Protein backbone atom coordinates (compact mmCIF):
# COMPACT_ATOMS: atom_id res chain seq x y z
CA UNK A 1 0.00 0.00 0.00
CA UNK A 2 1.98 3.05 -1.20
CA UNK A 3 1.68 5.92 1.19
CA UNK A 4 3.22 9.30 1.84
CA UNK A 5 2.46 11.63 4.68
CA UNK A 6 3.39 15.13 3.70
CA UNK A 7 2.36 16.32 7.11
CA UNK A 8 1.16 19.84 7.73
CA UNK A 9 1.30 21.61 4.40
CA UNK A 10 0.88 24.99 5.98
CA UNK A 11 -1.85 27.48 5.28
CA UNK A 12 -3.72 26.58 2.11
CA UNK A 13 -6.53 28.47 0.44
CA UNK A 14 -9.23 25.88 -0.17
CA UNK A 15 -12.27 26.35 -2.36
CA UNK A 16 -15.51 24.44 -1.93
CA UNK A 17 -18.01 24.54 -4.81
CA UNK A 18 -15.97 27.25 -6.51
CA UNK A 19 -16.47 29.83 -3.78
CA UNK A 20 -14.10 32.73 -4.15
CA UNK A 21 -11.68 33.50 -2.61
CA UNK A 22 -12.03 30.35 -0.53
CA UNK A 23 -11.09 29.69 3.07
CA UNK A 24 -7.56 29.42 4.45
CA UNK A 25 -6.83 26.38 6.55
CA UNK A 26 -3.76 24.69 7.99
CA UNK A 27 -4.28 21.11 6.82
CA UNK A 28 -2.24 17.91 6.87
CA UNK A 29 -2.03 16.07 3.55
CA UNK A 30 -1.74 12.32 2.98
CA UNK A 31 -0.71 11.03 -0.45
CA UNK A 32 -2.07 7.49 -0.66
CA UNK A 33 -3.12 4.71 -3.00
CA UNK A 34 -6.32 2.69 -3.09
CA UNK A 35 -7.10 0.46 -0.08
CA UNK A 36 -5.16 2.74 2.28
CA UNK A 37 -8.23 3.36 4.45
CA UNK A 38 -9.03 -0.36 4.63
CA UNK A 39 -5.43 -1.26 5.46
CA UNK A 40 -5.25 1.28 8.29
CA UNK A 41 -8.73 0.45 9.58
CA UNK A 42 -9.94 4.04 9.31
CA UNK A 43 -13.69 4.40 9.73
CA UNK A 44 -15.75 6.30 7.19
CA UNK A 45 -18.29 8.65 8.79
CA UNK A 46 -20.02 9.66 5.57
CA UNK A 47 -19.75 8.85 1.88
CA UNK A 48 -17.34 6.16 0.75
CA UNK A 49 -13.70 5.19 0.53
CA UNK A 50 -11.57 5.46 -2.60
CA UNK A 51 -12.27 2.70 -5.10
CA UNK A 52 -10.64 1.53 -8.33
CA UNK A 53 -14.12 1.24 -9.75
CA UNK A 54 -14.21 5.03 -9.99
CA UNK A 55 -11.54 6.34 -12.37
CA UNK A 56 -12.15 9.93 -11.23
CA UNK A 57 -11.08 9.05 -7.65
CA UNK A 58 -7.51 9.92 -8.61
CA UNK A 59 -8.65 13.55 -8.47
CA UNK A 60 -11.10 13.21 -5.57
CA UNK A 61 -10.65 13.80 -1.86
CA UNK A 62 -11.54 12.43 1.54
CA UNK A 63 -11.53 14.82 4.50
CA UNK A 64 -11.55 14.08 8.20
CA UNK A 65 -14.31 15.34 10.46
CA UNK A 66 -12.15 18.13 11.90
CA UNK A 67 -11.50 19.55 8.42
CA UNK A 68 -15.23 19.53 7.69
CA UNK A 69 -15.91 21.33 10.97
CA UNK A 70 -13.29 24.03 10.42
CA UNK A 71 -14.29 24.54 6.80
CA UNK A 72 -17.91 24.74 7.94
CA UNK A 73 -19.10 22.50 5.10
CA UNK A 74 -22.71 21.34 5.24
CA UNK A 75 -23.42 18.06 3.46
CA UNK A 76 -19.84 17.78 2.10
CA UNK A 77 -20.32 14.61 0.01
CA UNK A 78 -20.36 15.44 -3.69
CA UNK A 79 -19.19 19.02 -3.34
CA UNK A 80 -16.41 20.34 -5.55
CA UNK A 81 -13.15 20.76 -3.66
CA UNK A 82 -10.06 22.58 -4.90
CA UNK A 83 -6.78 21.57 -3.26
CA UNK A 84 -4.42 22.50 -6.07
CA UNK A 85 -6.32 20.04 -8.26
CA UNK A 86 -10.09 20.36 -8.59
CA UNK A 87 -11.95 17.26 -7.47
CA UNK A 88 -14.93 16.05 -5.47
CA UNK A 89 -15.32 15.18 -1.81
CA UNK A 90 -16.33 11.50 -1.91
CA UNK A 91 -16.03 10.69 1.79
CA UNK A 92 -15.54 11.96 5.32
CA UNK A 93 -13.40 9.83 7.62
CA UNK A 94 -13.67 9.82 11.37
CA UNK A 95 -10.97 11.74 13.20
CA UNK A 96 -7.88 9.72 14.10
CA UNK A 97 -4.60 10.59 15.77
CA UNK A 98 -1.62 10.95 13.44
CA UNK A 99 0.53 12.71 16.03
CA UNK A 100 1.02 12.65 19.78
CA UNK A 101 -1.98 12.66 22.08
CA UNK A 102 -0.56 15.91 23.42
CA UNK A 103 -1.63 17.50 20.14
CA UNK A 104 -5.18 18.20 19.11
CA UNK A 105 -6.44 16.36 16.03
CA UNK A 106 -5.86 18.69 13.10
CA UNK A 107 -7.66 18.88 9.74
CA UNK A 108 -6.46 16.19 7.32
CA UNK A 109 -7.05 15.29 3.71
CA UNK A 110 -6.48 12.07 1.77
CA UNK A 111 -5.85 12.02 -1.97
CA UNK A 112 -4.79 9.36 -4.48
CA UNK A 113 -1.20 10.13 -5.47
CA UNK A 114 0.64 6.76 -5.74
CA UNK A 115 3.48 8.35 -7.74
CA UNK A 116 4.26 10.63 -4.79
CA UNK A 117 4.27 7.85 -2.20
CA UNK A 118 7.52 6.67 -0.64
CA UNK A 119 6.28 4.16 1.93
CA UNK A 120 4.66 0.76 1.59
CA UNK A 121 2.15 -0.10 4.30
CA UNK A 122 1.22 -3.71 5.00
CA UNK A 123 -1.06 -5.21 7.62
CA UNK A 124 0.45 -8.54 8.59
CA UNK A 125 -0.52 -11.40 10.88
CA UNK A 126 1.53 -12.13 13.96
CA UNK A 127 1.72 -15.88 13.31
CA UNK A 128 5.09 -15.93 11.57
CA UNK A 129 6.48 -12.41 11.49
CA UNK A 130 10.05 -13.36 10.51
CA UNK A 131 9.00 -15.22 7.37
CA UNK A 132 6.58 -12.43 6.47
CA UNK A 133 9.32 -9.81 6.80
CA UNK A 134 11.69 -11.89 4.67
CA UNK A 135 9.04 -12.22 1.96
CA UNK A 136 8.29 -8.48 1.99
CA UNK A 137 11.99 -7.66 1.86
CA UNK A 138 12.56 -10.04 -1.06
CA UNK A 139 9.69 -8.57 -3.07
CA UNK A 140 10.63 -4.99 -2.25
CA UNK A 141 14.26 -5.49 -3.26
CA UNK A 142 13.09 -6.51 -6.73
CA UNK A 143 11.71 -2.99 -7.29
CA UNK A 144 13.93 -0.82 -5.10
CA UNK A 145 16.73 -0.52 -7.67
CA UNK A 146 19.47 -1.49 -5.24
CA UNK A 147 18.31 0.67 -2.34
CA UNK A 148 18.14 -1.22 0.98
CA UNK A 149 14.67 -1.80 2.37
CA UNK A 150 14.03 -0.42 5.86
CA UNK A 151 11.17 -2.01 7.77
CA UNK A 152 9.47 -0.26 10.67
CA UNK A 153 6.55 -1.37 12.79
CA UNK A 154 3.91 1.29 13.32
CA UNK A 155 3.51 0.20 16.93
CA UNK A 156 7.22 0.85 17.55
CA UNK A 157 7.00 4.26 15.90
CA UNK A 158 4.10 5.25 18.13
CA UNK A 159 5.97 3.83 21.13
CA UNK A 160 8.75 6.32 20.44
CA UNK A 161 6.25 9.17 20.57
CA UNK A 162 5.53 8.40 24.21
CA UNK A 163 9.02 7.41 25.33
CA UNK A 164 9.35 10.60 27.36
CA UNK A 165 6.09 9.92 29.21
CA UNK A 166 7.11 6.31 29.91
CA UNK A 167 10.50 7.45 31.22
CA UNK A 168 8.78 10.02 33.44
CA UNK A 169 6.40 7.33 34.71
CA UNK A 170 9.30 5.01 35.58
CA UNK A 171 11.24 7.76 37.35
CA UNK A 172 8.24 8.96 39.34
CA UNK A 173 7.32 5.40 40.30
CA UNK A 174 10.85 4.59 41.42
CA UNK A 175 11.36 7.80 43.41
CA UNK A 176 7.91 7.47 45.00
CA UNK A 177 8.63 3.93 46.18
CA UNK A 178 12.04 5.05 47.50
CA UNK A 179 10.49 8.03 49.30
CA UNK A 180 7.84 5.84 50.95
CA UNK A 181 10.50 3.32 52.02
CA UNK A 182 12.72 6.02 53.53
CA UNK A 183 9.72 7.64 55.24
CA UNK A 184 8.72 4.33 56.79
CA UNK A 185 12.26 3.76 58.04
CA UNK A 186 12.32 7.23 59.59
CA UNK A 187 8.89 6.75 61.12
CA UNK A 188 9.92 3.36 62.50
CA UNK A 189 12.98 4.94 64.08
CA UNK A 190 10.96 7.78 65.64
CA UNK A 191 8.44 5.34 67.12
CA UNK A 192 11.25 3.21 68.52
CA UNK A 193 12.89 6.26 70.09
CA UNK A 194 9.57 7.47 71.50
CA UNK A 195 8.79 4.07 72.98
CA UNK A 196 12.20 3.96 74.68
CA UNK A 197 11.89 7.47 76.13
CA UNK A 198 8.36 6.76 77.36
CA UNK A 199 9.16 3.38 78.91
CA UNK A 200 8.25 4.52 82.42
CA UNK A 201 4.95 6.05 81.24
CA UNK A 202 4.01 2.88 79.37
CA UNK A 203 4.85 0.77 82.42
CA UNK A 204 2.71 2.92 84.73
CA UNK A 205 -0.23 2.79 82.31
CA UNK A 206 0.04 -1.01 82.14
CA UNK A 207 0.06 -1.18 85.93
CA UNK A 208 -3.06 1.00 86.00
CA UNK A 209 -4.82 -1.40 83.61
CA UNK A 210 -4.16 -0.05 80.13
CA UNK A 211 -4.29 -2.74 77.46
CA UNK A 212 -2.16 -3.08 74.32
CA UNK A 213 -4.67 -1.27 72.08
CA UNK A 214 -4.80 1.76 74.37
CA UNK A 215 -1.02 2.01 74.56
CA UNK A 216 -0.72 1.71 70.77
CA UNK A 217 -3.31 4.50 70.39
CA UNK A 218 -1.35 6.74 72.80
CA UNK A 219 1.92 6.22 70.93
CA UNK A 220 0.27 6.64 67.52
CA UNK A 221 -1.86 9.74 67.98
CA UNK A 222 0.96 12.30 67.84
CA UNK A 223 2.43 10.77 64.70
CA UNK A 224 -1.00 10.38 63.12
CA UNK A 225 -1.72 14.06 63.68
CA UNK A 226 1.48 15.06 61.87
CA UNK A 227 0.76 12.66 59.01
CA UNK A 228 -2.73 14.12 58.50
CA UNK A 229 -1.32 17.67 58.47
CA UNK A 230 1.24 16.59 55.83
CA UNK A 231 -1.49 15.01 53.69
CA UNK A 232 -3.66 18.13 53.92
CA UNK A 233 -0.72 20.24 52.70
CA UNK A 234 0.30 17.76 49.99
CA UNK A 235 -3.14 17.18 48.43
CA UNK A 236 -3.72 20.65 46.91
CA UNK A 237 -0.09 20.85 45.78
CA UNK A 238 -0.39 17.44 44.11
CA UNK A 239 -3.67 18.44 42.46
CA UNK A 240 -2.12 21.66 41.15
CA UNK A 241 1.01 19.91 39.81
CA UNK A 242 -0.99 17.11 38.16
CA UNK A 243 -3.42 19.55 36.57
CA UNK A 244 -0.58 21.63 35.16
CA UNK A 245 1.06 18.50 33.69
CA UNK A 246 -2.20 17.36 32.10
CA UNK A 247 -2.56 20.76 30.43
CA UNK A 248 0.16 19.58 28.02
CA UNK A 249 -2.31 17.09 26.54
CA UNK A 250 -5.09 18.12 24.19
CA UNK A 251 -7.10 15.08 25.33
CA UNK A 252 -6.92 14.36 29.02
CA UNK A 253 -8.81 12.99 31.99
CA UNK A 254 -10.27 15.18 34.72
CA UNK A 255 -8.56 14.90 38.08
CA UNK A 256 -11.06 14.34 40.89
CA UNK A 257 -10.24 14.80 44.56
CA UNK A 258 -11.28 11.27 45.54
CA UNK A 259 -8.01 10.05 44.00
CA UNK A 260 -6.03 12.15 46.47
CA UNK A 261 -8.22 11.06 49.37
CA UNK A 262 -7.58 7.44 48.35
CA UNK A 263 -3.82 8.10 48.19
CA UNK A 264 -3.99 9.82 51.59
CA UNK A 265 -5.88 6.86 53.06
CA UNK A 266 -3.25 4.45 51.74
CA UNK A 267 -0.48 6.56 53.25
CA UNK A 268 -2.27 6.63 56.63
CA UNK A 269 -2.66 2.84 56.48
CA UNK A 270 1.04 2.34 55.68
CA UNK A 271 2.03 4.75 58.47
CA UNK A 272 -0.27 3.09 61.00
CA UNK A 273 1.11 -0.30 60.03
CA UNK A 274 4.66 0.94 60.59
CA UNK A 275 3.78 2.63 63.87
CA UNK A 276 1.59 -0.22 65.06
CA UNK A 277 4.24 -2.91 64.68
CA UNK A 278 6.72 -1.11 66.91
CA UNK A 279 4.03 0.16 69.32
CA UNK A 280 2.66 -3.34 69.87
CA UNK A 281 6.17 -4.57 70.51
CA UNK A 282 6.72 -1.84 73.09
CA UNK A 283 3.32 -2.41 74.72
CA UNK A 284 3.90 -6.15 75.09
CA UNK A 285 7.37 -5.77 76.60
CA UNK A 286 7.83 -6.54 80.31
CA UNK A 287 8.12 -2.96 81.52
CA UNK A 288 7.65 -3.79 85.20
CA UNK A 289 11.33 -4.65 85.44
CA UNK A 290 12.15 -1.14 84.25
CA UNK A 291 9.91 0.40 86.89
CA UNK A 292 11.49 -1.81 89.57
CA UNK A 293 14.96 -0.70 88.55
CA UNK A 294 13.99 2.96 88.73
């Protein structure tokens, strides 16, 4: 399937049904051959795809929905369209991404120009990729006039578009896990130190009838108060930072506060688990010997 993506061709003055002077639009142009739409699985919203049954399709056009919206064309099918060569709009394809998701879908146009194409697109099965590649390479070399054939997978090309985001995700995940681990170590050390300095108090409370749960609650409440204050400070900052990052994407999710409450709840659980383990150990220790020694 010969194919060439010219990309954004800049501002073009486009005429629909011979209107003068026409409307200027920044539009991306795709030089293709027949069956391109079927090979890429592009959906047709109105009209039809290019077909070899129609000889005039070599001068006709297919626009995407965004181009139709920006050109403000009503009932575009069958209208005369001038894009350097006068033709007819035979179809409207549904919008699809041909760039990063950070970018908004721009107006696009398809036209039959096999002589201008410099790529061959093929949809292959995953059963025996190596043999398929060898066959494609052998056939291509017969017509490439000595030029080496370079094969790229579209999935890999799109993967490269989001390499920065994946790297950022890995870094944030790694540093977050490290920060939580270090925080738990520090919290564990503080609880241990507090339990040692309050040995006499814990012993007296046990003598007066305090159970393990009460002692754990006493040791935990001060730390829990500080953790809640930290979460309250961190939540709006996290929401602001996440919202600013998502502004880089034309299509994005909406950040709701329940996500931050869930994250805060998980942090409180992890902190309580860390505090509770050491507090239970301190509460179950035989502290009467310490009181006797004092």
